[in-house]
Protein backbone atom coordinates (compact mmCIF):
# COMPACT_ATOMS: atom_id res chain seq x y z
CA UNK A 1 174.68 238.17 103.82
CA UNK A 2 175.89 240.80 101.35
CA UNK A 3 174.48 244.33 100.94
CA UNK A 4 174.60 246.90 98.18
CA UNK A 5 175.79 249.57 100.62
CA UNK A 6 177.28 249.56 104.15
CA UNK A 7 174.93 252.39 105.14
CA UNK A 8 171.92 250.18 106.09
CA UNK A 9 174.22 247.98 108.21
CA UNK A 10 175.59 251.06 110.01
CA UNK A 11 172.09 252.44 110.47
CA UNK A 12 170.84 249.15 111.96
CA UNK A 13 173.90 248.96 114.24
CA UNK A 14 173.38 252.50 115.57
CA UNK A 15 169.65 251.98 116.02
CA UNK A 16 170.29 248.72 117.90
CA UNK A 17 172.78 250.44 120.19
CA UNK A 18 170.23 253.15 120.98
CA UNK A 19 167.54 250.58 121.72
CA UNK A 20 169.99 248.60 123.86
CA UNK A 21 170.47 251.62 126.12
CA UNK A 22 166.86 251.05 127.21
CA UNK A 23 167.25 247.26 127.61
CA UNK A 24 165.69 247.04 131.07
CA UNK A 25 162.68 249.17 130.11
CA UNK A 26 162.08 247.26 126.86
CA UNK A 27 162.47 243.85 128.54
CA UNK A 28 159.91 244.75 131.20
CA UNK A 29 157.51 246.04 128.56
CA UNK A 30 157.75 242.83 126.52
CA UNK A 31 157.47 240.73 129.70
CA UNK A 32 154.36 242.56 130.95
CA UNK A 33 152.78 242.20 127.51
CA UNK A 34 153.42 238.43 127.58
CA UNK A 35 151.82 238.10 131.03
CA UNK A 36 148.70 239.81 129.70
CA UNK A 37 148.51 237.76 126.49
CA UNK A 38 149.48 234.32 127.87
CA UNK A 39 147.48 233.49 131.05
CA UNK A 40 149.22 230.10 131.52
CA UNK A 41 152.43 231.84 132.67
CA UNK A 42 150.75 234.17 135.16
CA UNK A 43 150.51 233.60 138.90
CA UNK A 44 153.63 231.48 139.39
CA UNK A 45 156.40 233.69 140.78
CA UNK A 46 159.19 231.36 139.69
CA UNK A 47 157.86 231.11 136.12
CA UNK A 48 157.36 234.89 135.90
CA UNK A 49 160.92 235.59 137.11
CA UNK A 50 162.48 233.13 134.68
CA UNK A 51 160.32 234.48 131.85
CA UNK A 52 161.64 237.99 132.55
CA UNK A 53 165.24 236.72 132.53
CA UNK A 54 164.59 234.88 129.26
CA UNK A 55 163.04 237.97 127.65
CA UNK A 56 165.98 240.16 128.70
CA UNK A 57 168.46 237.55 127.43
CA UNK A 58 166.74 237.19 124.06
CA UNK A 59 166.34 240.96 123.56
CA UNK A 60 169.98 241.58 124.45
CA UNK A 61 171.15 238.77 122.14
CA UNK A 62 169.10 239.96 119.17
CA UNK A 63 170.24 243.58 119.64
CA UNK A 64 173.84 242.32 119.87
CA UNK A 65 173.33 240.53 116.53
CA UNK A 66 171.95 243.71 114.94
CA UNK A 67 174.73 245.83 116.36
CA UNK A 68 177.64 243.58 115.37
CA UNK A 69 176.28 241.79 112.30
CA UNK A 70 176.78 238.33 113.88
CA UNK A 71 175.81 235.31 111.74
CA UNK A 72 172.93 233.34 113.23
CA UNK A 73 174.76 230.03 112.84
CA UNK A 74 177.31 231.22 115.43
CA UNK A 75 174.65 231.43 118.14
CA UNK A 76 174.58 228.97 121.03
CA UNK A 77 171.84 228.06 123.51
CA UNK A 78 170.78 230.73 125.97
CA UNK A 79 170.79 229.72 129.64
CA UNK A 80 167.67 231.61 130.73
CA UNK A 81 165.74 230.66 127.59
CA UNK A 82 166.61 227.00 128.18
CA UNK A 83 165.60 227.19 131.84
CA UNK A 84 162.30 228.85 130.93
CA UNK A 85 161.49 225.99 128.53
CA UNK A 86 162.42 223.41 131.18
CA UNK A 87 160.24 225.04 133.85
CA UNK A 88 157.21 225.10 131.56
CA UNK A 89 157.71 221.39 130.87
CA UNK A 90 157.96 220.67 134.61
CA UNK A 91 154.75 222.62 135.30
CA UNK A 92 152.99 220.71 132.50
CA UNK A 93 152.27 224.00 130.71
CA UNK A 94 151.58 223.29 127.03
CA UNK A 95 154.41 223.89 124.57
CA UNK A 96 152.04 226.19 122.68
CA UNK A 97 152.49 228.75 125.48
CA UNK A 98 156.25 228.66 124.87
CA UNK A 99 155.83 229.17 121.13
CA UNK A 100 153.35 232.03 121.62
CA UNK A 101 155.76 233.77 123.99
CA UNK A 102 158.38 234.01 121.25
CA UNK A 103 155.91 235.01 118.56
CA UNK A 104 154.19 237.72 120.64
CA UNK A 105 157.43 238.88 122.26
CA UNK A 106 159.07 239.20 118.85
CA UNK A 107 156.38 241.53 117.60
CA UNK A 108 156.49 243.68 120.73
CA UNK A 109 160.28 243.94 120.45
CA UNK A 110 160.07 244.94 116.76
CA UNK A 111 157.77 247.82 117.65
CA UNK A 112 160.55 249.36 119.76
CA UNK A 113 163.05 248.89 116.94
CA UNK A 114 160.73 250.36 114.31
CA UNK A 115 159.99 253.35 116.53
CA UNK A 116 163.74 253.98 116.89
CA UNK A 117 164.27 253.78 113.12
CA UNK A 118 161.45 256.26 112.57
CA UNK A 119 162.92 258.59 115.19
CA UNK A 120 166.29 258.61 113.42
CA UNK A 121 164.66 259.80 110.19
CA UNK A 122 166.74 257.94 107.62
CA UNK A 123 165.77 258.42 103.97
CA UNK A 124 163.19 256.07 102.50
CA UNK A 125 165.63 253.86 100.60
CA UNK A 126 167.93 253.30 103.58
CA UNK A 127 164.96 252.85 105.93
CA UNK A 128 163.46 250.20 103.65
CA UNK A 129 166.78 248.32 103.48
CA UNK A 130 167.20 248.50 107.26
CA UNK A 131 163.66 247.25 107.82
CA UNK A 132 164.21 244.38 105.39
CA UNK A 133 167.47 243.41 107.08
CA UNK A 134 166.01 243.71 110.59
CA UNK A 135 163.03 241.53 109.74
CA UNK A 136 165.14 238.96 107.93
CA UNK A 137 167.57 238.57 110.82
CA UNK A 138 165.00 238.72 113.63
CA UNK A 139 162.67 236.18 112.04
CA UNK A 140 165.64 233.90 111.37
CA UNK A 141 166.67 234.27 115.01
CA UNK A 142 163.16 233.53 116.33
CA UNK A 143 162.85 230.50 114.06
CA UNK A 144 166.20 229.15 115.28
CA UNK A 145 165.70 229.83 118.99
CA UNK A 146 162.13 228.50 118.92
CA UNK A 147 163.21 225.19 117.43
CA UNK A 148 165.94 224.96 120.05
CA UNK A 149 163.72 225.67 123.09
CA UNK A 150 161.01 223.32 121.80
CA UNK A 151 163.61 220.54 121.75
CA UNK A 152 164.73 221.52 125.27
CA UNK A 153 161.08 221.49 126.40
CA UNK A 154 160.39 217.99 125.04
CA UNK A 155 163.60 216.53 126.44
CA UNK A 156 162.82 217.99 129.86
CA UNK A 157 159.21 216.84 129.66
CA UNK A 158 160.34 213.30 128.97
CA UNK A 159 162.95 213.39 131.75
CA UNK A 160 160.54 214.98 134.20
CA UNK A 161 157.72 212.56 133.45
CA UNK A 162 160.05 209.60 133.84
CA UNK A 163 161.27 210.94 137.18
CA UNK A 164 157.74 211.68 138.39
CA UNK A 165 156.55 208.26 137.22
CA UNK A 166 159.40 206.58 139.11
CA UNK A 167 158.53 208.47 142.31
CA UNK A 168 154.83 207.72 141.90
CA UNK A 169 155.50 204.05 141.23
CA UNK A 170 157.70 203.83 144.32
CA UNK A 171 154.91 205.33 146.45
CA UNK A 172 152.37 202.92 144.97
CA UNK A 173 154.67 199.95 145.60
CA UNK A 174 155.03 200.96 149.26
CA UNK A 175 151.26 201.26 149.66
CA UNK A 176 150.54 197.94 147.96
CA UNK A 177 153.24 196.23 150.02
CA UNK A 178 151.40 197.26 153.18
CA UNK A 179 154.12 199.62 154.39
CA UNK A 180 153.23 202.38 156.80
CA UNK A 181 152.76 205.59 154.84
CA UNK A 182 151.92 209.16 155.72
CA UNK A 183 148.63 209.75 153.94
CA UNK A 184 149.12 213.49 153.47
CA UNK A 185 152.55 213.17 151.86
CA UNK A 186 151.48 210.12 149.83
CA UNK A 187 148.44 211.93 148.42
CA UNK A 188 150.58 214.96 147.56
CA UNK A 189 153.16 212.78 145.78
CA UNK A 190 150.53 210.80 143.87
CA UNK A 191 148.26 213.72 143.05
CA UNK A 192 145.46 211.37 144.09
CA UNK A 193 143.28 211.16 147.20
CA UNK A 194 143.56 207.87 149.09
CA UNK A 195 140.80 208.66 151.59
CA UNK A 196 137.91 207.91 149.24
CA UNK A 197 136.33 205.06 147.26
CA UNK A 198 138.43 203.56 144.45
CA UNK A 199 137.95 201.21 141.53
CA UNK A 200 141.13 199.36 140.57
CA UNK A 201 141.81 198.53 136.92
CA UNK A 202 144.46 196.58 135.03
CA UNK A 203 144.82 197.46 131.35
CA UNK A 204 147.22 195.94 128.86
CA UNK A 205 148.08 195.26 125.24
CA UNK A 206 148.77 191.58 124.50
CA UNK A 207 151.08 192.68 121.66
CA UNK A 208 153.58 195.47 122.42
CA UNK A 209 153.76 198.60 120.27
CA UNK A 210 156.68 200.81 119.33
CA UNK A 211 157.88 204.13 120.79
CA UNK A 212 155.72 204.01 123.91
CA UNK A 213 152.52 204.35 121.85
CA UNK A 214 150.93 201.52 123.82
CA UNK A 215 151.12 203.32 127.16
CA UNK A 216 149.74 206.50 125.60
CA UNK A 217 146.81 204.47 124.27
CA UNK A 218 146.18 202.91 127.68
CA UNK A 219 146.40 206.31 129.39
CA UNK A 220 143.80 207.76 127.00
CA UNK A 221 141.49 204.79 127.56
CA UNK A 222 141.68 205.10 131.36
CA UNK A 223 140.84 208.80 131.16
CA UNK A 224 137.93 208.06 128.80
CA UNK A 225 136.60 205.51 131.29
CA UNK A 226 136.93 208.00 134.15
CA UNK A 227 135.04 210.60 132.12
CA UNK A 228 132.29 208.14 131.16
CA UNK A 229 131.81 207.14 134.82
CA UNK A 230 131.71 210.80 135.94
CA UNK A 231 134.70 210.46 138.26
CA UNK A 232 135.15 213.66 140.31
CA UNK A 233 138.93 213.87 139.74
CA UNK A 234 141.73 212.55 137.55
CA UNK A 235 142.47 208.81 137.78
CA UNK A 236 145.81 207.52 139.02
CA UNK A 237 147.68 205.89 136.11
CA UNK A 238 150.73 203.76 136.91
CA UNK A 239 152.69 202.18 134.02
CA UNK A 240 154.11 198.74 134.77
CA UNK A 241 155.91 198.11 131.48
CA UNK A 242 155.56 199.14 127.82
CA UNK A 243 152.17 197.50 127.43
CA UNK A 244 150.71 197.16 130.94
CA UNK A 245 149.34 199.72 133.38
CA UNK A 246 147.47 199.74 136.66
CA UNK A 247 144.94 202.46 137.41
CA UNK A 248 142.66 203.63 140.17
CA UNK A 249 139.48 205.56 139.42
CA UNK A 250 138.43 208.09 142.10
CA UNK A 251 134.80 207.61 143.13
CA UNK A 252 134.69 209.99 146.10
CA UNK A 253 131.83 208.84 148.32
CA UNK A 254 130.03 206.93 145.54
CA UNK A 255 130.18 203.16 145.24
CA UNK A 256 127.90 202.28 142.32
CA UNK A 257 129.46 201.34 138.98
CA UNK A 258 127.72 201.02 135.63
CA UNK A 259 129.57 198.02 134.28
CA UNK A 260 127.67 198.39 130.99
CA UNK A 261 129.00 201.93 130.45
CA UNK A 262 132.51 200.90 131.43
CA UNK A 263 132.42 197.91 129.10
CA UNK A 264 131.09 200.16 126.35
CA UNK A 265 134.17 202.40 126.52
CA UNK A 266 136.49 199.39 126.40
CA UNK A 267 134.62 197.70 123.57
CA UNK A 268 134.52 200.89 121.49
CA UNK A 269 138.26 201.47 121.91
CA UNK A 270 141.24 199.82 120.23
CA UNK A 271 140.50 196.14 119.68
CA UNK A 272 143.85 195.06 121.10
CA UNK A 273 143.29 196.54 124.58
CA UNK A 274 142.04 194.39 127.46
CA UNK A 275 140.83 195.69 130.81
CA UNK A 276 140.05 194.01 134.13
CA UNK A 277 138.32 195.64 137.08
CA UNK A 278 138.19 194.99 140.79
CA UNK A 279 135.32 196.23 142.95
CA UNK A 280 134.77 199.67 144.49
CA UNK A 281 136.44 199.80 147.90
CA UNK A 282 137.34 202.55 150.35
CA UNK A 283 140.49 204.02 151.84
CA UNK A 284 144.05 202.79 151.68
CA UNK A 285 143.02 199.18 152.36
CA UNK A 286 140.48 199.43 149.58
CA UNK A 287 143.21 200.88 147.34
CA UNK A 288 145.18 197.66 147.89
CA UNK A 289 142.34 195.15 147.69
CA UNK A 290 140.68 196.52 144.53
CA UNK A 291 144.06 196.27 142.81
CA UNK A 292 144.48 192.65 143.95
CA UNK A 293 141.05 191.82 142.56
CA UNK A 294 141.84 193.43 139.20
CA UNK A 295 145.05 191.41 139.00
CA UNK A 296 143.24 188.15 139.81
CA UNK A 297 140.74 188.92 137.07
CA UNK A 298 143.69 189.62 134.76
CA UNK A 299 145.16 186.19 135.48
CA UNK A 300 141.89 184.69 134.30
CA UNK A 301 141.65 186.95 131.24
CA UNK A 302 145.20 186.18 130.07
CA UNK A 303 144.65 182.45 130.56
CA UNK A 304 141.36 182.43 128.62
CA UNK A 305 141.13 181.27 125.02
CA UNK A 306 139.72 183.32 123.48
CA UNK A 307 140.23 186.22 125.90
CA UNK A 308 137.54 188.73 126.85
CA UNK A 309 138.02 192.46 126.22
CA UNK A 310 136.62 193.36 129.65
CA UNK A 311 136.43 191.27 132.81
CA UNK A 312 134.95 192.19 136.20
CA UNK A 313 136.35 190.33 139.21
CA UNK A 314 133.03 190.09 141.05
CA UNK A 315 131.52 188.21 138.09
CA UNK A 316 134.32 185.65 137.86
CA UNK A 317 135.71 185.50 141.42
CA UNK A 318 135.37 181.72 142.00
CA UNK A 319 137.08 180.91 138.72
CA UNK A 320 139.71 183.63 139.09
CA UNK A 321 140.74 182.21 142.45
CA UNK A 322 141.25 178.81 140.82
CA UNK A 323 143.40 180.07 137.95
CA UNK A 324 146.65 179.52 139.82
CA UNK A 325 146.50 175.84 138.81
CA UNK A 326 145.00 175.50 135.35
CA UNK A 327 145.76 171.79 134.84
CA UNK A 328 143.90 170.89 138.04
CA UNK A 329 141.06 173.27 137.16
CA UNK A 330 140.74 171.63 133.73
CA UNK A 331 140.62 168.19 135.34
CA UNK A 332 137.99 169.38 137.84
CA UNK A 333 135.82 170.91 135.10
CA UNK A 334 136.08 167.67 133.13
CA UNK A 335 135.04 165.73 136.22
CA UNK A 336 131.93 167.87 136.69
CA UNK A 337 130.85 168.22 133.06
CA UNK A 338 132.16 164.93 131.71
CA UNK A 339 131.96 164.74 127.90
CA UNK A 340 129.97 168.01 127.98
CA UNK A 341 133.37 169.73 128.42
CA UNK A 342 134.33 168.93 124.82
CA UNK A 343 135.09 172.04 122.75
CA UNK A 344 132.60 171.66 119.90
CA UNK A 345 129.44 173.45 118.73
CA UNK A 346 126.94 170.85 119.95
CA UNK A 347 128.29 170.85 123.51
CA UNK A 348 128.59 174.66 123.41
CA UNK A 349 124.84 174.96 122.68
CA UNK A 350 123.97 172.55 125.49
CA UNK A 351 126.29 174.33 127.96
CA UNK A 352 124.75 177.71 127.09
CA UNK A 353 121.21 176.43 127.65
CA UNK A 354 122.26 174.70 130.86
CA UNK A 355 123.92 177.91 132.13
CA UNK A 356 120.82 179.99 131.39
CA UNK A 357 118.60 177.33 132.95
CA UNK A 358 120.57 177.49 136.21
CA UNK A 359 120.73 181.31 136.08
CA UNK A 360 116.93 181.52 135.84
CA UNK A 361 116.51 179.21 138.82
CA UNK A 362 115.60 176.15 136.76
CA UNK A 363 112.75 177.92 134.95
CA UNK A 364 112.07 176.35 131.54
CA UNK A 365 109.85 179.20 130.34
CA UNK A 366 112.36 181.93 131.30
CA UNK A 367 115.20 179.99 129.67
CA UNK A 368 113.21 179.56 126.47
CA UNK A 369 112.46 183.30 126.42
CA UNK A 370 116.11 184.23 127.02
CA UNK A 371 117.38 181.96 124.25
CA UNK A 372 114.42 182.54 121.89
CA UNK A 373 113.65 178.82 121.85
CA UNK A 374 110.53 176.71 122.23
CA UNK A 375 110.07 175.45 125.77
CA UNK A 376 110.14 171.84 124.53
CA UNK A 377 113.57 172.50 123.00
CA UNK A 378 114.85 173.61 126.40
CA UNK A 379 113.47 170.41 127.96
CA UNK A 380 115.20 168.36 125.28
CA UNK A 381 118.55 170.12 125.70
CA UNK A 382 118.53 169.80 129.49
CA UNK A 383 117.75 166.08 129.31
CA UNK A 384 120.46 165.58 126.71
CA UNK A 385 123.01 167.52 128.82
CA UNK A 386 122.16 165.38 131.85
CA UNK A 387 122.60 162.24 129.79
CA UNK A 388 126.01 163.36 128.50
CA UNK A 389 127.20 164.39 131.98
CA UNK A 390 125.88 161.23 133.56
CA UNK A 391 124.01 163.00 136.36
CA UNK A 392 121.07 165.35 136.87
CA UNK A 393 121.31 169.11 136.91
CA UNK A 394 120.36 169.21 140.58
CA UNK A 395 123.18 166.85 141.60
CA UNK A 396 126.07 169.04 142.72
CA UNK A 397 124.37 172.15 141.38
CA UNK A 398 126.89 174.61 142.90
CA UNK A 399 129.85 172.79 141.36
CA UNK A 400 128.01 172.66 138.04
CA UNK A 401 127.45 176.44 138.06
CA UNK A 402 131.14 177.13 138.81
CA UNK A 403 132.28 174.68 136.11
CA UNK A 404 130.04 176.35 133.53
CA UNK A 405 131.33 179.75 134.67
CA UNK A 406 134.89 178.52 134.16
CA UNK A 407 134.09 177.39 130.63
CA UNK A 408 132.31 180.67 129.88
CA UNK A 409 135.30 182.83 130.85
CA UNK A 410 138.25 180.55 130.16
CA UNK A 411 136.97 178.89 127.00
CA UNK A 412 139.09 176.16 125.43
CA UNK A 413 141.74 176.58 128.13
CA UNK A 414 139.67 174.34 130.44
CA UNK A 415 137.91 172.22 127.82
CA UNK A 416 138.81 169.02 126.01
CA UNK A 417 139.44 169.17 122.27
CA UNK A 418 137.05 167.25 120.03
CA UNK A 419 138.10 163.61 119.93
CA UNK A 420 139.98 163.73 123.25
CA UNK A 421 143.64 164.65 123.65
CA UNK A 422 143.48 166.29 127.08
CA UNK A 423 147.23 165.96 127.59
CA UNK A 424 147.91 168.28 124.65
CA UNK A 425 145.43 170.79 126.02
CA UNK A 426 147.05 170.71 129.44
CA UNK A 427 150.53 171.36 128.09
CA UNK A 428 149.41 174.29 125.92
CA UNK A 429 147.47 175.85 128.80
CA UNK A 430 150.35 175.58 131.27
CA UNK A 431 152.66 177.62 129.05
CA UNK A 432 150.25 180.47 128.30
CA UNK A 433 151.87 183.93 128.57
CA UNK A 434 150.90 185.95 131.62
CA UNK A 435 151.30 189.67 132.30
């Protein structure tokens, strides 16, 4: 950049040389000021050492630019500055701490330079030109180096998270495979305590999203669930692919779950997310079994038409265990319910009343109250259901309850279309996409 006179350039060069003679003192002063102002970088010896090296490197580089009038576009990345950005990313220290370090450090550095200019006593015109040039160059340098280290930070964060995720996934695979593991080292690697009660979850997006946004959405949902259920620590989140994740919620010594609160979080979240839950179980064996239960519930949820947003294994266990063979399950349901398995509104009303009737222990009054119906209407619907099925409600009651449960959670997947056509239904069900 041009100047009206070479005198300001010479004055800035001489001042920079004088300041550079106190490089170690100035670097320590800026460093100590940063430790006071930015608590996130205090207390970690490695981070503090690298921060000092980065400060000294940046101060020396900026003084060298002042002294020799070097264009900013000729600058290259600084080794210590890059390493400092990488270490912050690895420690999961927010990028805002990195940005603040340059902003605060810049101002502290300028105070030394301004003091030196004042000490030299240049006339007002030259001093104003030198100040203008110093601020222009230093702010340009800080803008350039900040953009660079932010990019380094994000690249390292992505690389580090991928590496950590791979290690965590490998540990989880070993545990789920039943391999012998050292609990202390496994807990340290996972950042999660295995010697406690766990609730296993499977969460997924039926339709994939772009740029990893789906996994971020699932991660947020799992943490919201953990917060709602008052979990004492962070959940363990393990991505399986771009739209599927397994998770374990830490329950400590507690074993009670409010399924209503959990369902509320899922239902209030993104409409495309589905979640399945196992049951609360303890220790490393419980870690494995609650995951297996969540996956069995997921098989049911992905086979259902329409699918449910939230499914609990304990509420669907008999049906979930039968989902391995949907054609046979559909045939069995048809054998129990007969024409009542047809997928139409009339049969749906009768099945709902029949399900509530069995749930209330065959109590007509309780069923009428639950469905807001007259008791005589309940009598009529039960008799009509028995007529359609060809047998009484009490005949094979256990099978009838399971068949109705299958219809409730699997929907049209295990029903016959209106007017027949079971072969079509069987073919469409057998090719349903699974996660």
